[in-house]
Every structure is written in C-alpha cells, then in structure tokens.
Amino acid sequence: MKNSIIFIFVIVLLAACGSKKSGEIVSKSADGNAQITVSGTKNSFVDPWQTTIKISGYNNSSEAQTEIYAGDLNNDNIIFQWENNNVCKVTIKQQDNTSRTFVAEMQPDKLELHEELK
C-alpha cells in the first residue's frame, strides 16, 4: 500500500513537471493578405503559457510574446475579430474569466501589435 501511494505521488509529480506545447491557432483576413498565429508553451500545469502572437502580411512579419494564464490555448478561448482586412482584435480568455485583447494592424508599410487597455 505504501509503495502504491509513493508510485502515484511520483507519477503526479512527473506530470506536473512536464512541459506542454499548444498547437498553432491561425486566422486569416477575408482577402488572405494578412494572418495571425497564436501558439504557446508552458513548463508545468501551474505556470502561465509563454504565448507568441505572430502577425504577417504584405511580405512582412512581426511577433510578440506575453504570459497568458489559461488552462489551454485553443479555439475555445481565443477569438479573432477582423474589423477589416488589415485590423484584427485577438481576445484571449484566461482561466479566471478575465480577457486580454490584442490589436493587430497589418498595412503594406507597417505591422503593429499592441494590447488594448481597458
């Protein structure tokens, strides 16, 4: 019995220490000239996601990194709202039901990504 408890504890500890990588969540503008990709990694289930938001368009690309406190990064908690072919708001819902919104602007002469302040 004692060995079983120790074994279960070791398994839980190893699971908590394992790193995790999300898939890439991608959204494209209606005309296909701009694209946003969100992906992330986390070292354990208690750590935040080290999240990369990459924007690309008009033969240019740029990316930013931030920490997101979410159970997972997927289509359920990441929402893309394209205002037009060049501007998109990316809203990420965190595990405490708060949201962070990032605004991506992709023009032929500039790429810009910033967090929308509330």
C-alpha atoms as a PDB file:
ATOM      1  CA  MET A   1       0.000   0.000   0.000  1.00  0.00           C
ATOM      2  CA  LYS A   2       2.783   2.409   0.922  1.00  0.00           C
ATOM      3  CA  ASN A   3       4.566   1.693  -2.356  1.00  0.00           C
ATOM      4  CA  SER A   4       1.368   2.394  -4.298  1.00  0.00           C
ATOM      5  CA  ILE A   5       0.997   5.811  -2.678  1.00  0.00           C
ATOM      6  CA  ILE A   6       4.643   6.650  -3.422  1.00  0.00           C
ATOM      7  CA  PHE A   7       4.211   5.469  -7.032  1.00  0.00           C
ATOM      8  CA  ILE A   8       1.090   7.612  -7.528  1.00  0.00           C
ATOM      9  CA  PHE A   9       2.851  10.616  -5.988  1.00  0.00           C
ATOM     10  CA  VAL A  10       5.825  10.203  -8.358  1.00  0.00           C
ATOM     11  CA  ILE A  11       3.519   9.933 -11.385  1.00  0.00           C
ATOM     12  CA  VAL A  12       1.640  13.111 -10.381  1.00  0.00           C
ATOM     13  CA  LEU A  13       4.922  14.916  -9.776  1.00  0.00           C
ATOM     14  CA  LEU A  14       6.271  13.906 -13.189  1.00  0.00           C
ATOM     15  CA  ALA A  15       3.060  15.026 -14.887  1.00  0.00           C
ATOM     16  CA  ALA A  16       3.296  18.407 -13.188  1.00  0.00           C
ATOM     17  CA  CYS A  17       6.876  18.892 -14.357  1.00  0.00           C
ATOM     18  CA  GLY A  18       6.306  18.002 -17.997  1.00  0.00           C
ATOM     19  CA  SER A  19       6.265  20.834 -20.499  1.00  0.00           C
ATOM     20  CA  LYS A  20       3.298  21.337 -22.800  1.00  0.00           C
ATOM     21  CA  LYS A  21       3.053  22.952 -26.213  1.00  0.00           C
ATOM     22  CA  SER A  22      -0.140  24.243 -27.779  1.00  0.00           C
ATOM     23  CA  GLY A  23      -0.985  23.849 -31.396  1.00  0.00           C
ATOM     24  CA  GLU A  24      -0.980  26.885 -33.650  1.00  0.00           C
ATOM     25  CA  ILE A  25      -4.264  28.755 -33.774  1.00  0.00           C
ATOM     26  CA  VAL A  26      -4.398  30.620 -37.091  1.00  0.00           C
ATOM     27  CA  SER A  27      -6.772  33.197 -38.542  1.00  0.00           C
ATOM     28  CA  LYS A  28      -6.576  34.889 -41.947  1.00  0.00           C
ATOM     29  CA  SER A  29      -8.180  38.056 -43.244  1.00  0.00           C
ATOM     30  CA  ALA A  30     -11.020  37.715 -45.745  1.00  0.00           C
ATOM     31  CA  ASP A  31      -8.738  38.670 -48.646  1.00  0.00           C
ATOM     32  CA  GLY A  32      -5.972  36.316 -47.443  1.00  0.00           C
ATOM     33  CA  ASN A  33      -3.296  39.040 -47.335  1.00  0.00           C
ATOM     34  CA  ALA A  34      -2.932  39.069 -43.525  1.00  0.00           C
ATOM     35  CA  GLN A  35      -2.583  36.283 -40.990  1.00  0.00           C
ATOM     36  CA  ILE A  36      -2.353  35.951 -37.208  1.00  0.00           C
ATOM     37  CA  THR A  37      -0.918  32.901 -35.448  1.00  0.00           C
ATOM     38  CA  VAL A  38      -1.118  32.244 -31.704  1.00  0.00           C
ATOM     39  CA  SER A  39       0.913  29.481 -30.033  1.00  0.00           C
ATOM     40  CA  GLY A  40       2.457  28.810 -26.665  1.00  0.00           C
ATOM     41  CA  THR A  41       4.420  26.587 -24.329  1.00  0.00           C
ATOM     42  CA  LYS A  42       4.286  26.027 -20.604  1.00  0.00           C
ATOM     43  CA  ASN A  43       6.695  24.194 -18.318  1.00  0.00           C
ATOM     44  CA  SER A  44       4.109  22.789 -15.906  1.00  0.00           C
ATOM     45  CA  PHE A  45       0.388  22.988 -15.250  1.00  0.00           C
ATOM     46  CA  VAL A  46       0.892  25.765 -12.673  1.00  0.00           C
ATOM     47  CA  ASP A  47       2.924  28.007 -14.984  1.00  0.00           C
ATOM     48  CA  PRO A  48       1.431  30.553 -17.391  1.00  0.00           C
ATOM     49  CA  TRP A  49       1.588  29.988 -21.129  1.00  0.00           C
ATOM     50  CA  GLN A  50       4.577  31.674 -22.766  1.00  0.00           C
ATOM     51  CA  THR A  51       2.485  32.836 -25.673  1.00  0.00           C
ATOM     52  CA  THR A  52       3.671  34.045 -29.074  1.00  0.00           C
ATOM     53  CA  ILE A  53       1.393  36.153 -31.255  1.00  0.00           C
ATOM     54  CA  LYS A  54       2.732  36.392 -34.793  1.00  0.00           C
ATOM     55  CA  ILE A  55       1.272  38.750 -37.370  1.00  0.00           C
ATOM     56  CA  SER A  56       2.160  38.637 -41.039  1.00  0.00           C
ATOM     57  CA  GLY A  57       1.038  40.401 -44.152  1.00  0.00           C
ATOM     58  CA  TYR A  58       2.308  42.120 -47.250  1.00  0.00           C
ATOM     59  CA  ASN A  59       5.551  40.070 -47.192  1.00  0.00           C
ATOM     60  CA  ASN A  60       6.414  41.202 -43.629  1.00  0.00           C
ATOM     61  CA  SER A  61       6.038  39.559 -40.240  1.00  0.00           C
ATOM     62  CA  SER A  62       6.380  40.501 -36.610  1.00  0.00           C
ATOM     63  CA  GLU A  63       5.778  38.740 -33.322  1.00  0.00           C
ATOM     64  CA  ALA A  64       5.370  39.487 -29.643  1.00  0.00           C
ATOM     65  CA  GLN A  65       5.438  37.307 -26.564  1.00  0.00           C
ATOM     66  CA  THR A  66       3.379  37.518 -23.402  1.00  0.00           C
ATOM     67  CA  GLU A  67       2.282  35.342 -20.492  1.00  0.00           C
ATOM     68  CA  ILE A  68      -1.293  34.065 -20.564  1.00  0.00           C
ATOM     69  CA  TYR A  69      -2.884  32.347 -17.575  1.00  0.00           C
ATOM     70  CA  ALA A  70      -5.210  29.857 -19.265  1.00  0.00           C
ATOM     71  CA  GLY A  71      -5.917  26.181 -18.900  1.00  0.00           C
ATOM     72  CA  ASP A  72      -5.248  25.740 -22.610  1.00  0.00           C
ATOM     73  CA  LEU A  73      -4.727  27.758 -25.767  1.00  0.00           C
ATOM     74  CA  ASN A  74      -7.306  26.725 -28.353  1.00  0.00           C
ATOM     75  CA  ASN A  75     -10.268  27.902 -30.419  1.00  0.00           C
ATOM     76  CA  ASP A  76     -12.478  27.886 -27.319  1.00  0.00           C
ATOM     77  CA  ASN A  77     -10.613  30.697 -25.535  1.00  0.00           C
ATOM     78  CA  ILE A  78      -9.047  32.616 -28.444  1.00  0.00           C
ATOM     79  CA  ILE A  79     -11.367  34.809 -30.505  1.00  0.00           C
ATOM     80  CA  PHE A  80     -10.351  36.626 -33.704  1.00  0.00           C
ATOM     81  CA  GLN A  81     -12.491  39.631 -34.697  1.00  0.00           C
ATOM     82  CA  TRP A  82     -11.480  41.037 -38.073  1.00  0.00           C
ATOM     83  CA  GLU A  83     -12.662  44.643 -38.344  1.00  0.00           C
ATOM     84  CA  ASN A  84     -11.462  44.747 -41.948  1.00  0.00           C
ATOM     85  CA  ASN A  85      -8.729  43.038 -43.997  1.00  0.00           C
ATOM     86  CA  ASN A  86      -5.999  44.935 -42.137  1.00  0.00           C
ATOM     87  CA  VAL A  87      -7.152  45.146 -38.494  1.00  0.00           C
ATOM     88  CA  CYS A  88      -7.969  42.273 -36.150  1.00  0.00           C
ATOM     89  CA  LYS A  89      -8.657  42.073 -32.429  1.00  0.00           C
ATOM     90  CA  VAL A  90      -7.434  38.893 -30.758  1.00  0.00           C
ATOM     91  CA  THR A  91      -9.148  38.229 -27.433  1.00  0.00           C
ATOM     92  CA  ILE A  92      -7.795  35.515 -25.140  1.00  0.00           C
ATOM     93  CA  LYS A  93      -9.932  34.390 -22.215  1.00  0.00           C
ATOM     94  CA  GLN A  94      -7.877  33.444 -19.151  1.00  0.00           C
ATOM     95  CA  GLN A  95      -8.761  30.852 -16.522  1.00  0.00           C
ATOM     96  CA  ASP A  96     -10.054  33.479 -14.054  1.00  0.00           C
ATOM     97  CA  ASN A  97     -12.606  34.609 -16.718  1.00  0.00           C
ATOM     98  CA  THR A  98     -10.728  37.822 -17.442  1.00  0.00           C
ATOM     99  CA  SER A  99      -9.804  38.577 -21.038  1.00  0.00           C
ATOM    100  CA  ARG A 100      -6.838  40.195 -22.707  1.00  0.00           C
ATOM    101  CA  THR A 101      -7.280  41.802 -26.115  1.00  0.00           C
ATOM    102  CA  PHE A 102      -4.508  42.458 -28.611  1.00  0.00           C
ATOM    103  CA  VAL A 103      -4.975  44.634 -31.677  1.00  0.00           C
ATOM    104  CA  ALA A 104      -3.084  43.699 -34.834  1.00  0.00           C
ATOM    105  CA  GLU A 105      -2.786  46.172 -37.693  1.00  0.00           C
ATOM    106  CA  MET A 106      -1.236  44.979 -40.944  1.00  0.00           C
ATOM    107  CA  GLN A 107      -0.661  47.614 -43.607  1.00  0.00           C
ATOM    108  CA  PRO A 108       1.695  47.481 -46.611  1.00  0.00           C
ATOM    109  CA  ASP A 109       4.021  49.966 -44.888  1.00  0.00           C
ATOM    110  CA  LYS A 110       3.757  48.765 -41.257  1.00  0.00           C
ATOM    111  CA  LEU A 111       2.846  45.924 -38.938  1.00  0.00           C
ATOM    112  CA  GLU A 112       1.704  46.791 -35.431  1.00  0.00           C
ATOM    113  CA  LEU A 113       0.575  44.677 -32.475  1.00  0.00           C
ATOM    114  CA  HIS A 114      -0.406  46.125 -29.114  1.00  0.00           C
ATOM    115  CA  GLU A 115      -2.538  45.217 -26.139  1.00  0.00           C
ATOM    116  CA  GLU A 116      -5.809  47.077 -25.853  1.00  0.00           C
ATOM    117  CA  LEU A 117      -6.035  48.824 -22.493  1.00  0.00           C
ATOM    118  CA  LYS A 118      -9.326  48.675 -20.649  1.00  0.00           C
END
